Amino acid sequence: MNHQIIFDAELLRRYDKSGPRYTSYPTAVQFHTNFSETDYRAWAKRTNEALPPRPLSLYFHLPFCDTVCFYCACNKVVTKDRKRASPYLDRLHREIAMQGELFDRARIVEQLHWGGGTPTFISHEEIQELMKITREHFRLRDDDLGEYGIEVDPREVRPETLALLRSLGFNRLSMGVQDFEPVVQKAVNRIQSEAETFAVLNEARALGFRSVSMDLIYGLPYQTVESFGRTLDKIIGAGPDRLSVFNYAHLPEMFKPQRRIRAEDLPNPQEKLNILQLTIERLTKAGYVYIGMDHFARPDDELAVAQRNGTLYRNFQGYSTHAECDLVAMGMTAIGMVGDCYSQNQKTMDDYFAALDAGHLPVMRGITLDADDKLRRAIITQLICHFSLDYARIERDHGIRFADYFAPELRDLQSMQQDGLLSLDAGSIHVLPAGKLLIRNICMVFDRYLRQKQEQRYSKVI
């Protein structure tokens, strides 16, 4: 595929509106409380009947953080008291056992991910016990061919932490960096040195981790093109396998920690665009491939290979190489995808504990997808992963005539075609280099719920 990106500032300003990130379709705002534990159990049972058996993907949410980063919008528990993890882990072990009973042991866990919060907040003994419990109830791989990843905070990596994680089967790391500038770090309450960051990267490579990803954020207080360029140069020099470069969405009315960030200290919209342009230019010049939606990867990384092969997928953890898995999500607020349903666990610690203490899976809400949901999910996934869409494939898989079913959407896309974001012909859509940074806007055209004009709060596209 053509990996070229064209940065058109005027187009980006014109199309810069709020919209979903499409880690799922329908998005989480469509989940409802009429979806119950009974519904979830029924879907789990149905997936066991599929032939051949579908592999599994496991996600564990470990919400604890030692300190709060002011930009953070994650569901987290900020505490200095390490003992607070123990009662949570007791319930998580219980949920693992209950979930494990629902799925046939013949189904191999091809993907496993620990997210947070800060998963490395818990002790080495607790890390070992959590993996032991997981192996008791699910069939983890015994080789190194699975995609087993964990998010780490370099400030929370103790001696032997990485060696322990590698010995337990983890082969991918994702670490937050955000920005190396001292004034920015102080403003967002994340003081993290270059030395400790790159020490983790180097040790991970020495231990044989197959992929190391770093997260950066643009739009934070006091950032400028010049200052962010210094951070980029240091990151490029270290050469991580993947990079995620996120736009900071300032929503202090929704996320309490962001109230500690002063709006007047944020870069103005033009400066943010300039930072984004610099980031794209520097990373692509350094050989990174733009995967989409803020993600870059080396050409030999599995994400880039999957995109070239047409097998790239997107789920709640971002881009993935495993589209065929049922995603079993555990821990408070975790979102899973089993069969034709999405489900989300209880969002508060008290509610999560109460459900498990009463012998119930902590399902809070969810949704069962109808035929239209599955059709539009297929379209959005194809566009956001591969920047193209073949009508014939969609028609064959879903039993529709594309031009008739999506006549209003195709009319809406014509203005995007006139603006040079994409090209339309009788049988396909191709996103052009100027449209890749606006892929969310293109996907939004196919979002039935947005077309029904339901009011929701989303982050800005750029």
Protein backbone atom coordinates (compact mmCIF):
# COMPACT_ATOMS: atom_id res chain seq x y z
CA MET A 1 0.00 0.00 0.00
CA ASN A 2 1.01 3.63 -0.44
CA HIS A 3 2.30 4.90 2.92
CA GLN A 4 2.61 8.53 1.82
CA ILE A 5 0.94 11.17 3.99
CA ILE A 6 0.17 14.70 2.85
CA PHE A 7 -0.16 17.29 5.58
CA ASP A 8 -2.70 19.89 4.47
CA ALA A 9 -3.16 22.37 7.32
CA GLU A 10 -6.21 24.02 5.78
CA LEU A 11 -7.98 20.68 5.35
CA LEU A 12 -7.08 19.60 8.88
CA ARG A 13 -8.50 22.81 10.34
CA ARG A 14 -11.69 22.49 8.33
CA TYR A 15 -12.30 18.86 9.33
CA ASP A 16 -11.08 19.13 12.92
CA LYS A 17 -14.19 18.17 14.85
CA SER A 18 -14.90 15.72 17.65
CA GLY A 19 -15.42 12.06 16.88
CA PRO A 20 -14.89 8.45 18.05
CA ARG A 21 -11.54 6.69 17.92
CA TYR A 22 -13.30 3.50 16.75
CA THR A 23 -11.60 0.98 18.99
CA SER A 24 -15.02 -0.61 18.58
CA TYR A 25 -18.16 -0.15 16.55
CA PRO A 26 -20.68 0.49 17.93
CA THR A 27 -18.66 2.63 20.35
CA ALA A 28 -18.97 2.34 24.13
CA VAL A 29 -21.47 5.20 24.32
CA GLN A 30 -24.02 2.83 22.77
CA PHE A 31 -23.63 0.22 25.53
CA HIS A 32 -26.68 -0.11 27.77
CA THR A 33 -27.58 -1.67 31.11
CA ASN A 34 -30.24 -3.94 29.59
CA PHE A 35 -27.32 -6.14 28.55
CA SER A 36 -26.76 -8.51 31.48
CA GLU A 37 -24.47 -11.21 32.82
CA THR A 38 -26.96 -13.75 31.44
CA ASP A 39 -26.53 -12.29 27.94
CA TYR A 40 -22.76 -12.44 28.26
CA ARG A 41 -22.79 -16.06 29.42
CA ALA A 42 -25.03 -17.02 26.50
CA TRP A 43 -22.63 -15.45 24.02
CA ALA A 44 -19.63 -17.16 25.61
CA LYS A 45 -21.39 -20.52 25.26
CA ARG A 46 -22.16 -19.86 21.60
CA THR A 47 -18.52 -19.08 20.82
CA ASN A 48 -17.47 -22.50 22.16
CA GLU A 49 -19.58 -24.10 19.44
CA ALA A 50 -17.71 -22.46 16.57
CA LEU A 51 -15.67 -24.71 14.30
CA PRO A 52 -12.78 -24.42 14.18
CA PRO A 53 -12.58 -23.06 17.75
CA ARG A 54 -11.71 -19.36 17.85
CA PRO A 55 -8.60 -18.39 19.80
CA LEU A 56 -8.86 -16.05 22.77
CA SER A 57 -7.43 -12.67 23.65
CA LEU A 58 -7.25 -11.79 27.37
CA TYR A 59 -7.13 -8.28 28.78
CA PHE A 60 -6.53 -7.46 32.46
CA HIS A 61 -7.09 -3.98 33.86
CA LEU A 62 -4.73 -3.14 36.73
CA PRO A 63 -5.84 0.36 37.74
CA PHE A 64 -3.26 1.40 40.35
CA CYS A 65 -0.85 4.33 39.96
CA ASP A 66 1.65 5.70 42.46
CA THR A 67 1.13 9.29 41.24
CA VAL A 68 -1.42 10.94 38.99
CA CYS A 69 -0.47 12.32 35.59
CA PHE A 70 -2.64 15.41 35.16
CA TYR A 71 -3.45 14.68 31.49
CA CYS A 72 -4.73 11.17 32.21
CA ALA A 73 -8.29 10.16 31.29
CA CYS A 74 -7.95 6.47 32.25
CA ASN A 75 -9.93 4.68 34.96
CA LYS A 76 -7.38 4.51 37.77
CA VAL A 77 -6.77 4.37 41.51
CA VAL A 78 -4.01 6.73 42.65
CA THR A 79 -2.38 5.60 45.89
CA LYS A 80 0.98 5.26 47.62
CA ASP A 81 -0.34 2.29 49.58
CA ARG A 82 0.78 -0.85 47.72
CA LYS A 83 -1.38 -3.00 49.98
CA ARG A 84 -4.50 -1.65 48.27
CA ALA A 85 -3.78 -3.93 45.32
CA SER A 86 -4.25 -7.11 47.35
CA PRO A 87 -8.07 -7.10 47.75
CA TYR A 88 -8.43 -6.08 44.11
CA LEU A 89 -6.22 -8.93 42.94
CA ASP A 90 -8.19 -11.38 45.09
CA ARG A 91 -11.35 -10.42 43.17
CA LEU A 92 -9.53 -10.43 39.85
CA HIS A 93 -8.37 -14.00 40.54
CA ARG A 94 -12.00 -14.89 41.26
CA GLU A 95 -13.14 -13.32 38.00
CA ILE A 96 -10.45 -15.20 36.07
CA ALA A 97 -11.74 -18.47 37.49
CA MET A 98 -15.36 -17.60 36.63
CA GLN A 99 -14.48 -16.49 33.12
CA GLY A 100 -12.28 -19.53 32.57
CA GLU A 101 -15.26 -21.81 33.24
CA LEU A 102 -17.11 -20.26 30.32
CA PHE A 103 -14.58 -21.07 27.62
CA ASP A 104 -13.44 -24.40 26.24
CA ARG A 105 -9.88 -25.21 27.31
CA ALA A 106 -9.05 -26.16 23.72
CA ARG A 107 -9.13 -22.47 22.83
CA ILE A 108 -5.59 -21.10 22.83
CA VAL A 109 -4.83 -17.61 24.18
CA GLU A 110 -3.08 -15.97 21.24
CA GLN A 111 -3.13 -12.50 22.80
CA LEU A 112 -2.71 -11.30 26.36
CA HIS A 113 -2.45 -7.71 27.55
CA TRP A 114 -2.07 -6.09 30.96
CA GLY A 115 -3.12 -2.43 30.98
CA GLY A 116 -3.79 0.22 33.53
CA GLY A 117 -3.15 2.26 35.45
CA THR A 118 0.33 0.91 35.95
CA PRO A 119 0.49 -2.91 35.88
CA THR A 120 4.01 -2.86 37.32
CA PHE A 121 2.61 -1.13 40.43
CA ILE A 122 1.97 -4.58 41.92
CA SER A 123 4.78 -6.61 43.49
CA HIS A 124 6.81 -9.29 41.74
CA GLU A 125 5.08 -11.94 43.83
CA GLU A 126 1.67 -10.57 42.81
CA ILE A 127 2.71 -10.52 39.16
CA GLN A 128 3.76 -14.18 39.38
CA GLU A 129 0.55 -15.17 41.14
CA LEU A 130 -1.65 -13.39 38.60
CA MET A 131 0.02 -15.21 35.72
CA LYS A 132 -0.15 -18.52 37.63
CA ILE A 133 -3.91 -18.12 38.18
CA THR A 134 -4.36 -17.21 34.53
CA ARG A 135 -2.56 -20.36 33.40
CA GLU A 136 -4.72 -22.47 35.69
CA HIS A 137 -7.92 -21.31 34.00
CA PHE A 138 -6.90 -20.53 30.42
CA ARG A 139 -4.69 -22.27 27.89
CA LEU A 140 -1.74 -19.91 27.48
CA ARG A 141 0.89 -20.65 24.90
CA ASP A 142 4.07 -22.36 26.08
CA ASP A 143 6.12 -21.03 23.16
CA ASP A 144 6.93 -17.42 22.31
CA LEU A 145 4.57 -17.13 19.34
CA GLY A 146 1.69 -15.36 21.09
CA GLU A 147 1.27 -11.61 21.36
CA TYR A 148 1.69 -11.08 25.11
CA GLY A 149 2.10 -7.42 26.04
CA ILE A 150 2.19 -5.24 29.13
CA GLU A 151 2.19 -1.50 29.76
CA VAL A 152 5.07 -0.37 31.94
CA ASP A 153 5.98 2.90 33.60
CA PRO A 154 9.80 3.20 33.55
CA ARG A 155 9.57 4.81 36.99
CA GLU A 156 7.93 1.62 38.29
CA VAL A 157 10.41 -0.87 36.83
CA ARG A 158 12.38 -2.38 39.70
CA PRO A 159 15.50 -4.56 39.42
CA GLU A 160 14.56 -7.89 37.84
CA THR A 161 11.08 -6.66 36.81
CA LEU A 162 11.68 -7.02 33.08
CA ALA A 163 13.46 -10.34 33.47
CA LEU A 164 10.50 -11.63 35.48
CA LEU A 165 8.00 -10.44 32.87
CA ARG A 166 10.00 -12.06 30.07
CA SER A 167 10.23 -15.36 31.98
CA LEU A 168 6.45 -15.34 32.43
CA GLY A 169 5.87 -15.11 28.68
CA PHE A 170 5.55 -11.39 27.97
CA ASN A 171 7.25 -10.49 24.70
CA ARG A 172 5.98 -6.93 24.11
CA LEU A 173 6.30 -3.75 26.14
CA SER A 174 4.51 -0.43 25.87
CA MET A 175 5.81 2.49 27.88
CA GLY A 176 4.65 6.04 28.41
CA VAL A 177 7.08 8.86 27.72
CA GLN A 178 4.88 11.80 26.61
CA ASP A 179 7.64 14.46 26.58
CA PHE A 180 11.20 14.79 27.88
CA GLU A 181 11.12 18.58 28.45
CA PRO A 182 11.39 19.33 32.21
CA VAL A 183 8.90 22.22 32.09
CA VAL A 184 6.30 20.01 30.38
CA GLN A 185 6.90 17.11 32.76
CA LYS A 186 6.45 19.38 35.77
CA ALA A 187 3.25 20.87 34.37
CA VAL A 188 1.66 17.40 33.91
CA ASN A 189 3.18 15.86 37.09
CA ARG A 190 5.16 13.17 35.30
CA ILE A 191 8.85 13.52 36.09
CA GLN A 192 10.65 10.82 34.10
CA SER A 193 14.28 10.99 33.07
CA GLU A 194 15.69 10.01 29.72
CA ALA A 195 18.14 7.69 31.46
CA GLU A 196 15.49 5.56 33.20
CA THR A 197 13.36 5.50 30.04
CA PHE A 198 16.10 4.30 27.73
CA ALA A 199 17.44 1.89 30.36
CA VAL A 200 14.11 0.04 30.16
CA LEU A 201 14.24 0.02 26.35
CA ASN A 202 17.79 -1.33 26.28
CA GLU A 203 17.13 -3.98 28.91
CA ALA A 204 13.98 -5.12 27.09
CA ARG A 205 15.97 -5.58 23.90
CA ALA A 206 18.69 -7.50 25.73
CA LEU A 207 16.03 -9.81 27.21
CA GLY A 208 14.54 -10.54 23.81
CA PHE A 209 11.27 -8.62 23.92
CA ARG A 210 10.04 -8.71 20.34
CA SER A 211 8.49 -5.24 20.26
CA VAL A 212 8.84 -2.09 22.36
CA SER A 213 6.39 0.77 21.90
CA MET A 214 6.60 4.30 23.26
CA ASP A 215 3.77 6.79 23.79
CA LEU A 216 4.12 10.52 23.16
CA ILE A 217 1.47 13.23 23.59
CA TYR A 218 1.30 16.52 21.71
CA GLY A 219 -0.76 19.48 22.90
CA LEU A 220 0.52 19.44 26.50
CA PRO A 221 1.35 22.63 28.45
CA TYR A 222 4.37 24.64 27.27
CA GLN A 223 5.06 22.44 24.26
CA THR A 224 6.41 24.14 21.15
CA VAL A 225 7.56 22.84 17.80
CA GLU A 226 11.17 23.35 18.87
CA SER A 227 10.79 21.65 22.25
CA PHE A 228 8.85 18.67 20.92
CA GLY A 229 11.43 18.31 18.17
CA ARG A 230 14.07 17.73 20.84
CA THR A 231 12.00 14.90 22.34
CA LEU A 232 11.42 13.40 18.89
CA ASP A 233 15.13 13.43 18.09
CA LYS A 234 15.92 11.53 21.29
CA ILE A 235 13.18 8.97 20.67
CA ILE A 236 14.22 8.44 17.04
CA GLY A 237 17.79 7.99 18.19
CA ALA A 238 16.69 5.20 20.52
CA GLY A 239 14.62 3.58 17.75
CA PRO A 240 11.63 1.90 19.43
CA ASP A 241 9.72 -0.56 17.26
CA ARG A 242 6.44 1.36 17.51
CA LEU A 243 5.31 4.84 18.47
CA SER A 244 1.93 6.21 19.44
CA VAL A 245 1.68 9.98 19.22
CA PHE A 246 -1.60 11.08 20.78
CA ASN A 247 -3.41 14.38 20.68
CA TYR A 248 -4.10 15.70 24.19
CA ALA A 249 -7.83 16.30 24.64
CA HIS A 250 -8.37 18.90 27.37
CA LEU A 251 -11.70 17.99 29.00
CA PRO A 252 -11.36 19.11 32.64
CA GLU A 253 -15.13 18.98 33.15
CA MET A 254 -14.98 15.21 32.51
CA PHE A 255 -11.58 14.27 33.96
CA LYS A 256 -10.76 15.75 37.35
CA PRO A 257 -6.92 15.53 37.15
CA GLN A 258 -6.99 17.76 34.06
CA ARG A 259 -8.24 20.62 36.22
CA ARG A 260 -4.63 20.97 37.37
CA ILE A 261 -3.67 21.95 33.80
CA ARG A 262 -4.25 25.59 32.89
CA ALA A 263 -5.84 26.11 29.48
CA GLU A 264 -3.73 29.22 28.92
CA ASP A 265 -0.55 27.10 29.14
CA LEU A 266 -1.59 24.83 26.27
CA PRO A 267 -0.23 25.38 22.75
CA ASN A 268 -2.68 27.16 20.47
CA PRO A 269 -4.37 25.20 17.65
CA GLN A 270 -1.88 26.35 15.02
CA GLU A 271 1.09 25.36 17.17
CA LYS A 272 -0.49 21.93 17.73
CA LEU A 273 -0.84 21.49 13.97
CA ASN A 274 2.78 22.52 13.50
CA ILE A 275 3.88 19.99 16.13
CA LEU A 276 1.88 17.27 14.38
CA GLN A 277 3.39 18.15 11.02
CA LEU A 278 6.90 18.07 12.47
CA THR A 279 6.19 14.69 14.08
CA ILE A 280 5.00 13.14 10.83
CA GLU A 281 7.91 14.53 8.85
CA ARG A 282 10.56 13.45 11.36
CA LEU A 283 9.19 9.94 11.88
CA THR A 284 8.58 9.15 8.22
CA LYS A 285 12.02 10.50 7.31
CA ALA A 286 13.46 8.19 9.97
CA GLY A 287 11.79 5.22 8.24
CA TYR A 288 8.67 4.74 10.34
CA VAL A 289 5.47 3.72 8.58
CA TYR A 290 2.26 5.56 9.40
CA ILE A 291 -0.13 2.79 10.44
CA GLY A 292 -3.00 5.15 11.17
CA MET A 293 -4.73 6.82 14.12
CA ASP A 294 -1.56 8.24 15.71
CA HIS A 295 0.44 4.99 15.33
CA PHE A 296 3.80 4.55 13.63
CA ALA A 297 5.89 1.40 13.26
CA ARG A 298 9.12 0.22 11.72
CA PRO A 299 8.57 -1.46 8.33
CA ASP A 300 9.54 -4.87 9.74
CA ASP A 301 7.27 -4.58 12.79
CA GLU A 302 4.32 -6.99 12.90
CA LEU A 303 1.81 -4.13 12.65
CA ALA A 304 3.35 -2.84 9.43
CA VAL A 305 3.59 -6.38 8.02
CA ALA A 306 -0.07 -7.07 8.91
CA GLN A 307 -1.13 -3.86 7.21
CA ARG A 308 0.73 -4.82 4.05
CA ASN A 309 -0.82 -8.32 4.18
CA GLY A 310 -4.34 -6.98 4.70
CA THR A 311 -4.71 -8.65 8.12
CA LEU A 312 -4.41 -5.64 10.44
CA TYR A 313 -7.24 -5.24 12.96
CA ARG A 314 -8.30 -2.71 15.57
CA ASN A 315 -9.72 -3.35 19.04
CA PHE A 316 -9.83 -1.79 22.50
CA GLN A 317 -6.04 -2.01 22.85
CA GLY A 318 -5.51 -0.25 19.51
CA TYR A 319 -4.13 -1.88 16.37
CA SER A 320 -3.67 -5.65 16.47
CA THR A 321 -2.53 -8.52 14.28
CA HIS A 322 -5.20 -10.93 15.60
CA ALA A 323 -8.65 -10.27 14.17
CA GLU A 324 -10.05 -13.72 14.78
CA CYS A 325 -9.98 -13.74 18.60
CA ASP A 326 -12.75 -13.40 21.15
CA LEU A 327 -11.59 -10.77 23.63
CA VAL A 328 -12.20 -11.68 27.29
CA ALA A 329 -11.68 -8.56 29.43
CA MET A 330 -11.23 -8.73 33.20
CA GLY A 331 -10.91 -6.16 35.96
CA MET A 332 -12.90 -3.03 36.75
CA THR A 333 -14.16 -1.07 33.72
CA ALA A 334 -12.62 -3.60 31.26
CA ILE A 335 -14.37 -3.94 27.88
CA GLY A 336 -14.52 -7.28 26.07
CA MET A 337 -15.81 -8.59 22.74
CA VAL A 338 -17.18 -12.14 22.76
CA GLY A 339 -19.13 -13.39 19.77
CA ASP A 340 -21.45 -10.66 18.54
CA CYS A 341 -21.48 -8.70 21.78
CA TYR A 342 -19.48 -6.11 23.64
CA SER A 343 -19.55 -6.00 27.44
CA GLN A 344 -18.11 -3.70 30.07
CA ASN A 345 -17.36 -4.44 33.71
CA GLN A 346 -18.37 -2.32 36.69
CA LYS A 347 -16.52 1.01 36.74
CA THR A 348 -15.99 1.50 40.48
CA MET A 349 -13.99 -0.64 42.86
CA ASP A 350 -16.92 -1.02 45.27
CA ASP A 351 -19.32 -2.20 42.54
CA TYR A 352 -16.70 -4.52 41.06
CA PHE A 353 -16.06 -6.10 44.47
CA ALA A 354 -19.77 -6.37 45.30
CA ALA A 355 -20.62 -8.25 42.10
CA LEU A 356 -17.86 -10.83 42.57
CA ASP A 357 -18.50 -11.19 46.30
CA ALA A 358 -22.10 -12.06 45.40
CA GLY A 359 -20.91 -14.74 42.97
CA HIS A 360 -21.64 -12.78 39.78
CA LEU A 361 -19.54 -11.73 36.83
CA PRO A 362 -19.16 -7.94 37.17
CA VAL A 363 -20.89 -7.13 33.87
CA MET A 364 -22.32 -3.60 34.07
CA ARG A 365 -23.51 -2.98 30.52
CA GLY A 366 -22.99 -4.01 26.92
CA ILE A 367 -24.59 -4.43 23.52
CA THR A 368 -25.52 -7.23 21.14
CA LEU A 369 -24.67 -6.28 17.57
CA ASP A 370 -27.34 -6.51 14.89
CA ALA A 371 -26.66 -7.16 11.21
CA ASP A 372 -26.29 -3.46 10.45
CA ASP A 373 -23.79 -3.01 13.29
CA LYS A 374 -21.65 -5.87 11.98
CA LEU A 375 -21.81 -4.53 8.44
CA ARG A 376 -20.74 -1.04 9.45
CA ARG A 377 -18.07 -2.40 11.80
CA ALA A 378 -16.55 -4.31 8.89
CA ILE A 379 -16.46 -1.14 6.78
CA ILE A 380 -15.01 1.07 9.50
CA THR A 381 -12.39 -1.55 10.44
CA GLN A 382 -11.29 -1.95 6.83
CA LEU A 383 -11.00 1.79 6.29
CA ILE A 384 -9.22 2.57 9.54
CA CYS A 385 -6.74 -0.29 9.14
CA HIS A 386 -6.11 -0.35 5.38
CA PHE A 387 -7.32 2.99 3.98
CA SER A 388 -9.36 1.27 1.29
CA LEU A 389 -12.63 -0.58 0.87
CA ASP A 390 -13.73 -3.12 -1.73
CA TYR A 391 -17.51 -3.11 -2.20
CA ALA A 392 -17.62 -6.63 -3.65
CA ARG A 393 -16.12 -8.15 -0.51
CA ILE A 394 -18.62 -6.35 1.72
CA GLU A 395 -21.50 -7.37 -0.55
CA ARG A 396 -20.38 -11.00 -0.50
CA ASP A 397 -19.92 -11.14 3.26
CA HIS A 398 -23.09 -9.28 4.23
CA GLY A 399 -25.59 -9.92 1.45
CA ILE A 400 -26.24 -6.33 0.42
CA ARG A 401 -25.84 -4.15 -2.66
CA PHE A 402 -23.40 -1.51 -1.48
CA ALA A 403 -24.50 1.36 -3.73
CA ASP A 404 -28.13 0.96 -2.66
CA TYR A 405 -27.58 0.32 1.06
CA PHE A 406 -25.15 3.20 1.47
CA ALA A 407 -26.52 5.69 -1.06
CA PRO A 408 -26.72 8.55 1.51
CA GLU A 409 -23.19 7.81 2.76
CA LEU A 410 -21.77 7.78 -0.76
CA ARG A 411 -23.38 11.15 -1.44
CA ASP A 412 -21.75 12.53 1.71
CA LEU A 413 -18.36 11.18 0.66
CA GLN A 414 -18.46 13.13 -2.59
CA SER A 415 -17.52 16.36 -0.81
CA MET A 416 -14.55 14.56 0.73
CA GLN A 417 -13.60 13.37 -2.74
CA GLN A 418 -13.74 16.96 -3.99
CA ASP A 419 -11.47 17.98 -1.11
CA GLY A 420 -8.93 15.31 -2.08
CA LEU A 421 -9.38 13.11 0.98
CA LEU A 422 -10.41 10.02 -0.97
CA SER A 423 -11.32 8.65 -4.37
CA LEU A 424 -14.57 6.91 -5.22
CA ASP A 425 -15.28 4.60 -8.12
CA ALA A 426 -17.97 2.08 -8.93
CA GLY A 427 -16.47 -0.61 -6.72
CA SER A 428 -14.21 0.88 -4.09
CA ILE A 429 -13.09 3.67 -1.79
CA HIS A 430 -9.43 4.63 -1.57
CA VAL A 431 -8.19 7.05 1.08
CA LEU A 432 -5.66 9.43 -0.43
CA PRO A 433 -2.51 10.71 1.31
CA ALA A 434 -4.30 13.93 2.32
CA GLY A 435 -7.11 11.92 3.93
CA LYS A 436 -5.12 9.55 6.11
CA LEU A 437 -4.88 11.94 9.04
CA LEU A 438 -8.64 12.43 8.77
CA ILE A 439 -9.59 8.76 8.62
CA ARG A 440 -11.85 9.20 11.65
CA ASN A 441 -13.91 11.74 9.70
CA ILE A 442 -14.28 9.30 6.82
CA CYS A 443 -15.31 6.48 9.15
CA MET A 444 -17.83 8.74 10.86
CA VAL A 445 -19.81 8.93 7.62
CA PHE A 446 -20.64 5.22 8.06
CA ASP A 447 -21.54 5.54 11.77
CA ARG A 448 -25.31 5.03 11.99
CA TYR A 449 -25.48 6.42 15.52
CA LEU A 450 -23.74 9.65 14.57
CA ARG A 451 -26.03 9.96 11.57
CA GLN A 452 -28.92 9.80 13.99
CA LYS A 453 -27.27 12.86 15.59
CA GLN A 454 -27.05 11.52 19.10
CA GLU A 455 -25.21 14.03 21.26
CA GLN A 456 -21.98 12.57 22.69
CA ARG A 457 -18.63 13.91 23.89
CA TYR A 458 -15.60 12.80 21.90
CA SER A 459 -12.04 14.02 21.55
CA LYS A 460 -10.99 16.20 18.63
CA VAL A 461 -9.85 14.38 15.52
CA ILE A 462 -6.59 16.39 15.35
